C-alpha atoms as a PDB file:
ATOM      1  CA  MET A   1      39.107 -25.947  23.882  1.00  0.00           C
ATOM      2  CA  PRO A   2      36.772 -25.013  20.972  1.00  0.00           C
ATOM      3  CA  THR A   3      35.874 -21.388  20.550  1.00  0.00           C
ATOM      4  CA  THR A   4      32.199 -20.559  20.218  1.00  0.00           C
ATOM      5  CA  LEU A   5      31.395 -17.905  17.669  1.00  0.00           C
ATOM      6  CA  PRO A   6      28.486 -15.550  18.294  1.00  0.00           C
ATOM      7  CA  VAL A   7      25.399 -16.367  16.292  1.00  0.00           C
ATOM      8  CA  ALA A   8      23.359 -13.552  14.800  1.00  0.00           C
ATOM      9  CA  VAL A   9      19.719 -13.891  15.698  1.00  0.00           C
ATOM     10  CA  PRO A  10      17.371 -11.716  13.654  1.00  0.00           C
ATOM     11  CA  ASP A  11      15.157  -9.338  15.533  1.00  0.00           C
ATOM     12  CA  GLN A  12      11.511 -10.335  15.689  1.00  0.00           C
ATOM     13  CA  GLU A  13      10.724  -7.295  13.543  1.00  0.00           C
ATOM     14  CA  GLU A  14      13.103  -8.432  10.814  1.00  0.00           C
ATOM     15  CA  SER A  15      11.613 -11.919  10.618  1.00  0.00           C
ATOM     16  CA  THR A  16       8.111 -10.455  10.505  1.00  0.00           C
ATOM     17  CA  ASP A  17       9.119  -8.249   7.571  1.00  0.00           C
ATOM     18  CA  THR A  18      10.507 -11.284   5.748  1.00  0.00           C
ATOM     19  CA  GLU A  19       7.367 -13.273   6.466  1.00  0.00           C
ATOM     20  CA  HIS A  20       5.295 -10.344   5.215  1.00  0.00           C
ATOM     21  CA  LEU A  21       7.240 -10.301   1.948  1.00  0.00           C
ATOM     22  CA  HIS A  22       6.689 -14.024   1.388  1.00  0.00           C
ATOM     23  CA  ALA A  23       3.040 -14.162   2.466  1.00  0.00           C
ATOM     24  CA  PRO A  24       0.524 -15.099  -0.252  1.00  0.00           C
ATOM     25  CA  ARG A  25      -0.791 -11.997  -2.005  1.00  0.00           C
ATOM     26  CA  TYR A  26      -4.413 -11.141  -2.757  1.00  0.00           C
ATOM     27  CA  HIS A  27      -5.982  -8.752  -5.255  1.00  0.00           C
ATOM     28  CA  VAL A  28      -8.651  -6.359  -4.038  1.00  0.00           C
ATOM     29  CA  ILE A  29     -10.981  -6.082  -7.041  1.00  0.00           C
ATOM     30  CA  LEU A  30     -13.540  -3.296  -7.503  1.00  0.00           C
ATOM     31  CA  PHE A  31     -16.562  -3.904  -9.771  1.00  0.00           C
ATOM     32  CA  ASP A  32     -18.351  -1.498 -12.090  1.00  0.00           C
ATOM     33  CA  ASP A  33     -21.966  -0.482 -11.637  1.00  0.00           C
ATOM     34  CA  ASP A  34     -24.261   2.308 -12.748  1.00  0.00           C
ATOM     35  CA  SER A  35     -24.724   3.804  -9.272  1.00  0.00           C
ATOM     36  CA  HIS A  36     -21.342   5.432  -8.702  1.00  0.00           C
ATOM     37  CA  THR A  37     -19.541   8.246 -10.495  1.00  0.00           C
ATOM     38  CA  TYR A  38     -15.898   8.609 -11.471  1.00  0.00           C
ATOM     39  CA  GLU A  39     -15.666  11.276  -8.774  1.00  0.00           C
ATOM     40  CA  TYR A  40     -16.877   8.794  -6.151  1.00  0.00           C
ATOM     41  CA  VAL A  41     -14.276   6.195  -7.148  1.00  0.00           C
ATOM     42  CA  ILE A  42     -11.489   8.767  -7.236  1.00  0.00           C
ATOM     43  CA  GLU A  43     -12.503  10.211  -3.871  1.00  0.00           C
ATOM     44  CA  MET A  44     -12.749   6.736  -2.326  1.00  0.00           C
ATOM     45  CA  MET A  45      -9.267   5.768  -3.541  1.00  0.00           C
ATOM     46  CA  VAL A  46      -7.778   9.028  -2.220  1.00  0.00           C
ATOM     47  CA  VAL A  47      -9.564   8.926   1.148  1.00  0.00           C
ATOM     48  CA  LEU A  48      -9.263   5.212   1.909  1.00  0.00           C
ATOM     49  CA  PHE A  49      -5.932   4.308   0.358  1.00  0.00           C
ATOM     50  CA  ALA A  50      -4.001   7.600   0.103  1.00  0.00           C
ATOM     51  CA  MET A  51      -3.787   7.308  -3.682  1.00  0.00           C
ATOM     52  CA  THR A  52      -3.228  10.356  -5.828  1.00  0.00           C
ATOM     53  CA  VAL A  53      -6.118  11.760  -7.842  1.00  0.00           C
ATOM     54  CA  GLU A  54      -4.396  10.410 -10.961  1.00  0.00           C
ATOM     55  CA  GLN A  55      -4.192   6.889  -9.491  1.00  0.00           C
ATOM     56  CA  GLY A  56      -7.841   7.102  -8.462  1.00  0.00           C
ATOM     57  CA  PHE A  57      -8.774   8.181 -11.975  1.00  0.00           C
ATOM     58  CA  GLU A  58      -6.903   5.191 -13.437  1.00  0.00           C
ATOM     59  CA  ILE A  59      -8.904   2.842 -11.191  1.00  0.00           C
ATOM     60  CA  ALA A  60     -12.182   4.585 -12.136  1.00  0.00           C
ATOM     61  CA  TYR A  61     -11.335   4.430 -15.843  1.00  0.00           C
ATOM     62  CA  GLU A  62     -10.450   0.736 -15.708  1.00  0.00           C
ATOM     63  CA  VAL A  63     -13.591  -0.110 -13.734  1.00  0.00           C
ATOM     64  CA  ASP A  64     -15.716   1.792 -16.247  1.00  0.00           C
ATOM     65  CA  HIS A  65     -14.104   0.358 -19.384  1.00  0.00           C
ATOM     66  CA  ILE A  66     -13.232  -3.195 -18.316  1.00  0.00           C
ATOM     67  CA  GLY A  67     -15.888  -3.776 -15.679  1.00  0.00           C
ATOM     68  CA  GLN A  68     -13.450  -4.266 -12.830  1.00  0.00           C
ATOM     69  CA  ALA A  69     -10.082  -3.079 -11.570  1.00  0.00           C
ATOM     70  CA  ILE A  70      -7.447  -4.355  -9.203  1.00  0.00           C
ATOM     71  CA  VAL A  71      -7.187  -1.700  -6.517  1.00  0.00           C
ATOM     72  CA  MET A  72      -4.185  -3.286  -4.797  1.00  0.00           C
ATOM     73  CA  THR A  73      -2.380  -6.571  -4.263  1.00  0.00           C
ATOM     74  CA  VAL A  74      -1.451  -7.190  -0.633  1.00  0.00           C
ATOM     75  CA  PRO A  75      -1.276  -9.937   2.020  1.00  0.00           C
ATOM     76  CA  HIS A  76      -4.603 -11.513   2.998  1.00  0.00           C
ATOM     77  CA  ALA A  77      -5.216  -9.528   6.202  1.00  0.00           C
ATOM     78  CA  GLU A  78      -4.628  -6.228   4.403  1.00  0.00           C
ATOM     79  CA  ALA A  79      -6.877  -7.321   1.526  1.00  0.00           C
ATOM     80  CA  LEU A  80      -9.691  -8.138   3.955  1.00  0.00           C
ATOM     81  CA  GLU A  81      -9.278  -4.751   5.608  1.00  0.00           C
ATOM     82  CA  ALA A  82      -9.288  -2.928   2.263  1.00  0.00           C
ATOM     83  CA  ARG A  83     -12.397  -4.800   1.113  1.00  0.00           C
ATOM     84  CA  GLN A  84     -14.157  -3.894   4.358  1.00  0.00           C
ATOM     85  CA  LYS A  85     -13.267  -0.226   3.883  1.00  0.00           C
ATOM     86  CA  ILE A  86     -14.730  -0.264   0.366  1.00  0.00           C
ATOM     87  CA  ILE A  87     -17.974  -2.001   1.295  1.00  0.00           C
ATOM     88  CA  THR A  88     -18.575   0.373   4.198  1.00  0.00           C
ATOM     89  CA  TYR A  89     -17.725   3.552   2.261  1.00  0.00           C
ATOM     90  CA  GLY A  90     -21.395   4.124   1.489  1.00  0.00           C
ATOM     91  CA  ALA A  91     -23.524   5.431  -1.320  1.00  0.00           C
ATOM     92  CA  ASP A  92     -22.481   8.029  -3.889  1.00  0.00           C
ATOM     93  CA  PRO A  93     -24.193  11.307  -2.896  1.00  0.00           C
ATOM     94  CA  ARG A  94     -23.815  12.505  -6.517  1.00  0.00           C
ATOM     95  CA  MET A  95     -26.136   9.756  -7.788  1.00  0.00           C
ATOM     96  CA  PRO A  96     -29.770   9.833  -6.626  1.00  0.00           C
ATOM     97  CA  GLY A  97     -30.154   6.098  -7.291  1.00  0.00           C
ATOM     98  CA  SER A  98     -27.044   5.080  -5.351  1.00  0.00           C
ATOM     99  CA  THR A  99     -28.119   3.109  -2.312  1.00  0.00           C
ATOM    100  CA  GLY A 100     -24.848   1.616  -1.137  1.00  0.00           C
ATOM    101  CA  SER A 101     -21.195   0.986  -1.725  1.00  0.00           C
ATOM    102  CA  MET A 102     -19.542  -0.484  -4.782  1.00  0.00           C
ATOM    103  CA  GLY A 103     -19.075  -4.207  -5.101  1.00  0.00           C
ATOM    104  CA  CYS A 104     -15.674  -5.686  -4.503  1.00  0.00           C
ATOM    105  CA  MET A 105     -13.969  -8.958  -3.694  1.00  0.00           C
ATOM    106  CA  ILE A 106     -10.583 -10.366  -2.882  1.00  0.00           C
ATOM    107  CA  GLN A 107      -8.907 -13.052  -4.989  1.00  0.00           C
ATOM    108  CA  LYS A 108      -5.625 -14.862  -4.483  1.00  0.00           C
ATOM    109  CA  ALA A 109      -3.011 -13.485  -6.846  1.00  0.00           C
ATOM    110  CA  GLU A 110      -1.198 -15.916  -9.092  1.00  0.00           C
ATOM    111  CA  ALA A 111       2.354 -16.503  -7.982  1.00  0.00           C
END
Protein backbone atom coordinates (compact mmCIF):
# COMPACT_ATOMS: atom_id res chain seq x y z
CA MET A 1 0.00 0.00 0.00
CA PRO A 2 1.52 3.39 -0.99
CA THR A 3 2.31 5.82 1.76
CA THR A 4 0.99 9.34 1.37
CA LEU A 5 3.38 12.06 2.43
CA PRO A 6 2.00 15.24 3.97
CA VAL A 7 1.97 18.19 1.62
CA ALA A 8 2.90 21.61 2.92
CA VAL A 9 0.28 24.17 2.02
CA PRO A 10 1.37 27.78 2.46
CA ASP A 11 -0.71 29.94 4.72
CA GLN A 12 -2.87 32.49 2.94
CA GLU A 13 -0.72 35.21 4.51
CA GLU A 14 2.45 33.74 3.03
CA SER A 15 1.05 33.58 -0.49
CA THR A 16 -0.22 37.14 -0.19
CA ASP A 17 3.26 38.30 0.81
CA THR A 18 4.74 36.53 -2.21
CA GLU A 19 2.12 38.03 -4.49
CA HIS A 20 2.86 41.45 -3.00
CA LEU A 21 6.56 41.04 -3.78
CA HIS A 22 5.86 40.12 -7.40
CA ALA A 23 3.13 42.70 -8.06
CA PRO A 24 3.95 45.38 -10.65
CA ARG A 25 5.53 48.42 -9.01
CA TYR A 26 4.59 52.07 -9.54
CA HIS A 27 6.49 55.29 -8.89
CA VAL A 28 4.75 58.07 -7.01
CA ILE A 29 6.19 61.21 -8.62
CA LEU A 30 6.00 64.68 -7.05
CA PHE A 31 6.27 67.76 -9.31
CA ASP A 32 7.92 71.10 -8.64
CA ASP A 33 6.01 74.37 -8.53
CA ASP A 34 6.50 77.86 -7.15
CA SER A 35 3.72 77.62 -4.55
CA HIS A 36 5.29 75.29 -2.00
CA THR A 37 8.36 75.63 0.21
CA TYR A 38 11.05 73.12 1.10
CA GLU A 39 9.55 73.07 4.59
CA TYR A 40 6.16 72.08 3.17
CA VAL A 41 7.64 69.18 1.18
CA ILE A 42 9.70 67.99 4.14
CA GLU A 43 6.73 68.22 6.50
CA MET A 44 4.48 66.39 4.03
CA MET A 45 6.96 63.53 3.62
CA VAL A 46 7.38 63.20 7.40
CA VAL A 47 3.66 63.41 8.21
CA LEU A 48 2.27 61.31 5.36
CA PHE A 49 4.98 58.73 4.82
CA ALA A 50 6.93 58.61 8.11
CA MET A 51 10.14 59.68 6.36
CA THR A 52 12.95 61.29 8.30
CA VAL A 53 13.56 65.01 7.93
CA GLU A 54 16.69 64.14 5.94
CA GLN A 55 14.71 61.95 3.52
CA GLY A 56 12.11 64.70 3.15
CA PHE A 57 14.85 67.21 2.41
CA GLU A 58 16.27 64.92 -0.30
CA ILE A 59 12.84 64.77 -1.96
CA ALA A 60 12.45 68.57 -1.70
CA TYR A 61 15.93 69.15 -3.12
CA GLU A 62 15.36 66.80 -6.06
CA VAL A 63 11.96 68.34 -6.83
CA ASP A 64 13.49 71.82 -6.76
CA HIS A 65 16.56 71.01 -8.86
CA ILE A 66 15.23 68.40 -11.30
CA GLY A 67 11.58 69.40 -11.43
CA GLN A 68 10.27 66.13 -10.05
CA ALA A 69 11.15 63.38 -7.60
CA ILE A 70 10.15 59.80 -7.05
CA VAL A 71 8.67 59.73 -3.56
CA MET A 72 8.31 55.94 -3.45
CA THR A 73 7.95 52.86 -5.62
CA VAL A 74 5.22 50.51 -4.43
CA PRO A 75 2.42 48.24 -5.70
CA HIS A 76 -0.41 49.98 -7.56
CA ALA A 77 -2.92 50.16 -4.68
CA GLU A 78 -0.32 51.72 -2.38
CA ALA A 79 0.72 54.17 -5.11
CA LEU A 80 -2.89 55.28 -5.58
CA GLU A 81 -3.25 55.77 -1.84
CA ALA A 82 -0.01 57.76 -1.61
CA ARG A 83 -1.03 59.97 -4.54
CA GLN A 84 -4.39 60.64 -2.90
CA LYS A 85 -2.66 61.62 0.35
CA ILE A 86 -0.44 64.10 -1.51
CA ILE A 87 -3.23 65.72 -3.51
CA THR A 88 -5.38 66.17 -0.41
CA TYR A 89 -2.57 67.51 1.80
CA GLY A 90 -3.59 71.08 1.01
CA ALA A 91 -1.96 74.42 0.43
CA ASP A 92 1.33 75.59 1.93
CA PRO A 93 0.46 78.03 4.74
CA ARG A 94 3.97 79.54 4.41
CA MET A 95 3.23 80.77 0.87
CA PRO A 96 0.49 83.39 0.45
CA GLY A 97 -0.04 82.37 -3.19
CA SER A 98 -0.39 78.66 -2.46
CA THR A 99 -3.94 77.61 -3.22
CA GLY A 100 -3.68 73.84 -3.18
CA SER A 101 -1.56 70.75 -2.99
CA MET A 102 1.46 69.87 -5.08
CA GLY A 103 1.05 68.02 -8.34
CA CYS A 104 1.86 64.36 -8.48
CA MET A 105 1.22 61.26 -10.56
CA ILE A 106 1.86 57.56 -10.55
CA GLN A 107 3.80 55.80 -13.31
CA LYS A 108 4.54 52.12 -13.81
CA ALA A 109 8.13 51.39 -12.88
CA GLU A 110 10.31 49.68 -15.43
CA ALA A 111 10.98 46.08 -14.55
